[in-house]
């Protein structure tokens, strides 16, 4: 599926109480889309709530307005060697996963359809990462 009325996001998410995001970036040789260090001060953009980060966070994501999940996975994982598990030798990681999010609109009479495809190559590449896979599919009337 190359184009649809869906939006999608795929990403790799790593966090850990003792994880150093800079060390992860150096080890993976990939610049994250987002990272925070334990002890950093944060403020949300919407509610203006603030606090201190309790664990290091590192994520690499790609977003699409076309629901091209297969292409997004290929693009994201092309930044890593194909024969390497992403987190096997990294220190301080308590939680790690690969996430696929797809959202589409509901039909006027209710219900809805939201679909995407994964290529054989995607499935093989995802398995090689060694990461658990989370998927969220959302159909909404908003």
C-alpha atoms as a PDB file:
ATOM      1  CA  UNK A   1       0.000   0.000   0.000  1.00  0.00           C
ATOM      2  CA  UNK A   2       1.732   3.165  -1.116  1.00  0.00           C
ATOM      3  CA  UNK A   3      -0.945   5.754  -0.469  1.00  0.00           C
ATOM      4  CA  UNK A   4      -4.078   5.895   1.662  1.00  0.00           C
ATOM      5  CA  UNK A   5      -6.078   8.213   3.873  1.00  0.00           C
ATOM      6  CA  UNK A   6      -4.332   6.881   6.980  1.00  0.00           C
ATOM      7  CA  UNK A   7      -1.598   8.349   9.088  1.00  0.00           C
ATOM      8  CA  UNK A   8       1.096   6.168  10.542  1.00  0.00           C
ATOM      9  CA  UNK A   9       4.195   6.217  12.666  1.00  0.00           C
ATOM     10  CA  UNK A  10       6.841   3.586  13.214  1.00  0.00           C
ATOM     11  CA  UNK A  11       9.560   3.820  15.793  1.00  0.00           C
ATOM     12  CA  UNK A  12      12.160   2.275  18.022  1.00  0.00           C
ATOM     13  CA  UNK A  13      11.848   3.237  21.679  1.00  0.00           C
ATOM     14  CA  UNK A  14      14.472   2.646  24.366  1.00  0.00           C
ATOM     15  CA  UNK A  15      14.477   3.752  27.991  1.00  0.00           C
ATOM     16  CA  UNK A  16      16.136   2.934  31.248  1.00  0.00           C
ATOM     17  CA  UNK A  17      16.759   4.390  34.680  1.00  0.00           C
ATOM     18  CA  UNK A  18      20.526   4.190  34.124  1.00  0.00           C
ATOM     19  CA  UNK A  19      20.488   4.621  30.341  1.00  0.00           C
ATOM     20  CA  UNK A  20      22.631   7.374  28.821  1.00  0.00           C
ATOM     21  CA  UNK A  21      21.001   8.518  25.543  1.00  0.00           C
ATOM     22  CA  UNK A  22      24.310   9.956  24.290  1.00  0.00           C
ATOM     23  CA  UNK A  23      25.943   6.560  24.784  1.00  0.00           C
ATOM     24  CA  UNK A  24      23.123   4.899  22.836  1.00  0.00           C
ATOM     25  CA  UNK A  25      23.569   7.381  19.980  1.00  0.00           C
ATOM     26  CA  UNK A  26      27.320   6.718  19.905  1.00  0.00           C
ATOM     27  CA  UNK A  27      26.898   2.932  20.052  1.00  0.00           C
ATOM     28  CA  UNK A  28      24.198   2.785  17.370  1.00  0.00           C
ATOM     29  CA  UNK A  29      25.748   5.528  15.208  1.00  0.00           C
ATOM     30  CA  UNK A  30      22.216   6.832  14.601  1.00  0.00           C
ATOM     31  CA  UNK A  31      20.886  10.233  15.685  1.00  0.00           C
ATOM     32  CA  UNK A  32      17.597   9.865  17.592  1.00  0.00           C
ATOM     33  CA  UNK A  33      14.386  11.697  16.757  1.00  0.00           C
ATOM     34  CA  UNK A  34      14.043  12.372  20.493  1.00  0.00           C
ATOM     35  CA  UNK A  35      16.098  11.821  23.625  1.00  0.00           C
ATOM     36  CA  UNK A  36      16.150  12.904  27.246  1.00  0.00           C
ATOM     37  CA  UNK A  37      18.560  12.268  30.082  1.00  0.00           C
ATOM     38  CA  UNK A  38      17.563  11.166  33.549  1.00  0.00           C
ATOM     39  CA  UNK A  39      17.396  14.295  35.680  1.00  0.00           C
ATOM     40  CA  UNK A  40      16.503  16.626  32.789  1.00  0.00           C
ATOM     41  CA  UNK A  41      13.751  19.149  33.403  1.00  0.00           C
ATOM     42  CA  UNK A  42      10.763  18.932  31.012  1.00  0.00           C
ATOM     43  CA  UNK A  43       7.631  20.945  30.252  1.00  0.00           C
ATOM     44  CA  UNK A  44       4.758  19.614  28.125  1.00  0.00           C
ATOM     45  CA  UNK A  45       3.800  21.734  25.144  1.00  0.00           C
ATOM     46  CA  UNK A  46       0.049  21.332  25.671  1.00  0.00           C
ATOM     47  CA  UNK A  47      -0.663  21.369  29.407  1.00  0.00           C
ATOM     48  CA  UNK A  48       2.489  23.183  30.538  1.00  0.00           C
ATOM     49  CA  UNK A  49       3.000  20.562  33.245  1.00  0.00           C
ATOM     50  CA  UNK A  50       6.617  20.044  34.199  1.00  0.00           C
ATOM     51  CA  UNK A  51       8.835  17.629  36.064  1.00  0.00           C
ATOM     52  CA  UNK A  52      12.140  15.855  36.235  1.00  0.00           C
ATOM     53  CA  UNK A  53      12.849  12.969  33.830  1.00  0.00           C
ATOM     54  CA  UNK A  54      13.097   9.742  35.852  1.00  0.00           C
ATOM     55  CA  UNK A  55      14.723   7.579  33.164  1.00  0.00           C
ATOM     56  CA  UNK A  56      16.813   8.105  30.047  1.00  0.00           C
ATOM     57  CA  UNK A  57      14.809   8.018  26.812  1.00  0.00           C
ATOM     58  CA  UNK A  58      15.971   7.447  23.212  1.00  0.00           C
ATOM     59  CA  UNK A  59      13.671   7.063  20.209  1.00  0.00           C
ATOM     60  CA  UNK A  60      13.931   6.993  16.445  1.00  0.00           C
ATOM     61  CA  UNK A  61      10.659   7.508  14.594  1.00  0.00           C
ATOM     62  CA  UNK A  62       9.252   8.211  11.179  1.00  0.00           C
ATOM     63  CA  UNK A  63       5.801   9.638  10.445  1.00  0.00           C
ATOM     64  CA  UNK A  64       3.712   9.342   7.300  1.00  0.00           C
ATOM     65  CA  UNK A  65       0.467  10.895   6.167  1.00  0.00           C
ATOM     66  CA  UNK A  66      -0.169   8.023   3.782  1.00  0.00           C
ATOM     67  CA  UNK A  67      -0.116   4.945   5.999  1.00  0.00           C
ATOM     68  CA  UNK A  68       2.887   3.588   4.086  1.00  0.00           C
ATOM     69  CA  UNK A  69       3.981   1.421   7.002  1.00  0.00           C
ATOM     70  CA  UNK A  70       6.037  -0.976   4.894  1.00  0.00           C
ATOM     71  CA  UNK A  71       8.057   1.880   3.403  1.00  0.00           C
ATOM     72  CA  UNK A  72       8.441   3.566   6.798  1.00  0.00           C
ATOM     73  CA  UNK A  73       9.818   0.384   8.375  1.00  0.00           C
ATOM     74  CA  UNK A  74      12.281  -0.064   5.515  1.00  0.00           C
ATOM     75  CA  UNK A  75      13.404   3.562   5.834  1.00  0.00           C
ATOM     76  CA  UNK A  76      13.820   3.389   9.609  1.00  0.00           C
ATOM     77  CA  UNK A  77      15.646   0.057   9.736  1.00  0.00           C
ATOM     78  CA  UNK A  78      17.934   0.931   6.817  1.00  0.00           C
ATOM     79  CA  UNK A  79      19.857   3.079   9.296  1.00  0.00           C
ATOM     80  CA  UNK A  80      21.073  -0.047  11.125  1.00  0.00           C
ATOM     81  CA  UNK A  81      23.215  -2.983   9.947  1.00  0.00           C
ATOM     82  CA  UNK A  82      20.831  -5.758   8.843  1.00  0.00           C
ATOM     83  CA  UNK A  83      22.623  -8.509  10.777  1.00  0.00           C
ATOM     84  CA  UNK A  84      22.632  -6.762  14.160  1.00  0.00           C
ATOM     85  CA  UNK A  85      20.231  -6.901  17.070  1.00  0.00           C
ATOM     86  CA  UNK A  86      19.624  -3.313  18.087  1.00  0.00           C
ATOM     87  CA  UNK A  87      19.816  -3.547  21.877  1.00  0.00           C
ATOM     88  CA  UNK A  88      21.692  -6.769  22.615  1.00  0.00           C
ATOM     89  CA  UNK A  89      24.972  -5.079  23.584  1.00  0.00           C
ATOM     90  CA  UNK A  90      23.681  -1.757  24.885  1.00  0.00           C
ATOM     91  CA  UNK A  91      23.864  -0.875  28.573  1.00  0.00           C
ATOM     92  CA  UNK A  92      21.248   0.557  30.899  1.00  0.00           C
ATOM     93  CA  UNK A  93      18.163  -0.314  28.869  1.00  0.00           C
ATOM     94  CA  UNK A  94      15.184  -1.425  30.964  1.00  0.00           C
ATOM     95  CA  UNK A  95      12.535  -1.271  28.230  1.00  0.00           C
ATOM     96  CA  UNK A  96      12.791  -1.468  24.453  1.00  0.00           C
ATOM     97  CA  UNK A  97      10.321  -2.057  21.636  1.00  0.00           C
ATOM     98  CA  UNK A  98       9.441  -1.410  18.011  1.00  0.00           C
ATOM     99  CA  UNK A  99       6.114   0.374  17.628  1.00  0.00           C
ATOM    100  CA  UNK A 100       3.721   0.603  14.668  1.00  0.00           C
ATOM    101  CA  UNK A 101       0.835   3.083  14.941  1.00  0.00           C
ATOM    102  CA  UNK A 102      -1.818   3.478  12.237  1.00  0.00           C
ATOM    103  CA  UNK A 103      -4.901   5.726  12.404  1.00  0.00           C
ATOM    104  CA  UNK A 104      -7.769   6.243  10.001  1.00  0.00           C
ATOM    105  CA  UNK A 105     -11.177   7.858   9.926  1.00  0.00           C
ATOM    106  CA  UNK A 106     -14.498   6.227  10.743  1.00  0.00           C
ATOM    107  CA  UNK A 107     -17.303   5.866   8.221  1.00  0.00           C
ATOM    108  CA  UNK A 108     -20.217   8.311   8.480  1.00  0.00           C
ATOM    109  CA  UNK A 109     -22.539   5.497   9.606  1.00  0.00           C
ATOM    110  CA  UNK A 110     -20.059   4.209  12.165  1.00  0.00           C
ATOM    111  CA  UNK A 111     -17.305   1.674  12.174  1.00  0.00           C
ATOM    112  CA  UNK A 112     -14.277   1.979   9.991  1.00  0.00           C
ATOM    113  CA  UNK A 113     -11.385   0.284   8.319  1.00  0.00           C
ATOM    114  CA  UNK A 114      -7.732   0.867   8.921  1.00  0.00           C
ATOM    115  CA  UNK A 115      -5.218  -1.443   7.301  1.00  0.00           C
ATOM    116  CA  UNK A 116      -1.574  -1.647   6.339  1.00  0.00           C
ATOM    117  CA  UNK A 117       0.779  -4.189   4.848  1.00  0.00           C
ATOM    118  CA  UNK A 118       4.120  -5.577   5.939  1.00  0.00           C
ATOM    119  CA  UNK A 119       6.429  -7.065   3.344  1.00  0.00           C
ATOM    120  CA  UNK A 120       8.266 -10.329   3.856  1.00  0.00           C
ATOM    121  CA  UNK A 121      11.429  -8.230   4.098  1.00  0.00           C
ATOM    122  CA  UNK A 122       9.836  -6.068   6.829  1.00  0.00           C
ATOM    123  CA  UNK A 123       8.953  -9.098   8.916  1.00  0.00           C
ATOM    124  CA  UNK A 124      12.459 -10.543   8.574  1.00  0.00           C
ATOM    125  CA  UNK A 125      14.083  -7.182   9.394  1.00  0.00           C
ATOM    126  CA  UNK A 126      11.815  -6.649  12.418  1.00  0.00           C
ATOM    127  CA  UNK A 127      12.672 -10.113  13.740  1.00  0.00           C
ATOM    128  CA  UNK A 128      16.399  -9.365  13.369  1.00  0.00           C
ATOM    129  CA  UNK A 129      16.119  -6.298  15.619  1.00  0.00           C
ATOM    130  CA  UNK A 130      15.419  -8.538  18.597  1.00  0.00           C
ATOM    131  CA  UNK A 131      12.802  -6.035  19.789  1.00  0.00           C
ATOM    132  CA  UNK A 132       9.232  -6.813  20.838  1.00  0.00           C
ATOM    133  CA  UNK A 133       6.673  -5.425  18.382  1.00  0.00           C
ATOM    134  CA  UNK A 134       3.754  -3.282  19.559  1.00  0.00           C
ATOM    135  CA  UNK A 135       0.968  -2.312  17.158  1.00  0.00           C
ATOM    136  CA  UNK A 136      -1.823   0.209  17.686  1.00  0.00           C
ATOM    137  CA  UNK A 137      -4.596   0.626  15.126  1.00  0.00           C
ATOM    138  CA  UNK A 138      -7.056   3.458  15.695  1.00  0.00           C
ATOM    139  CA  UNK A 139     -10.275   4.314  13.877  1.00  0.00           C
ATOM    140  CA  UNK A 140     -11.844   7.571  14.990  1.00  0.00           C
ATOM    141  CA  UNK A 141     -14.566   9.946  13.807  1.00  0.00           C
ATOM    142  CA  UNK A 142     -12.494  13.044  14.602  1.00  0.00           C
END
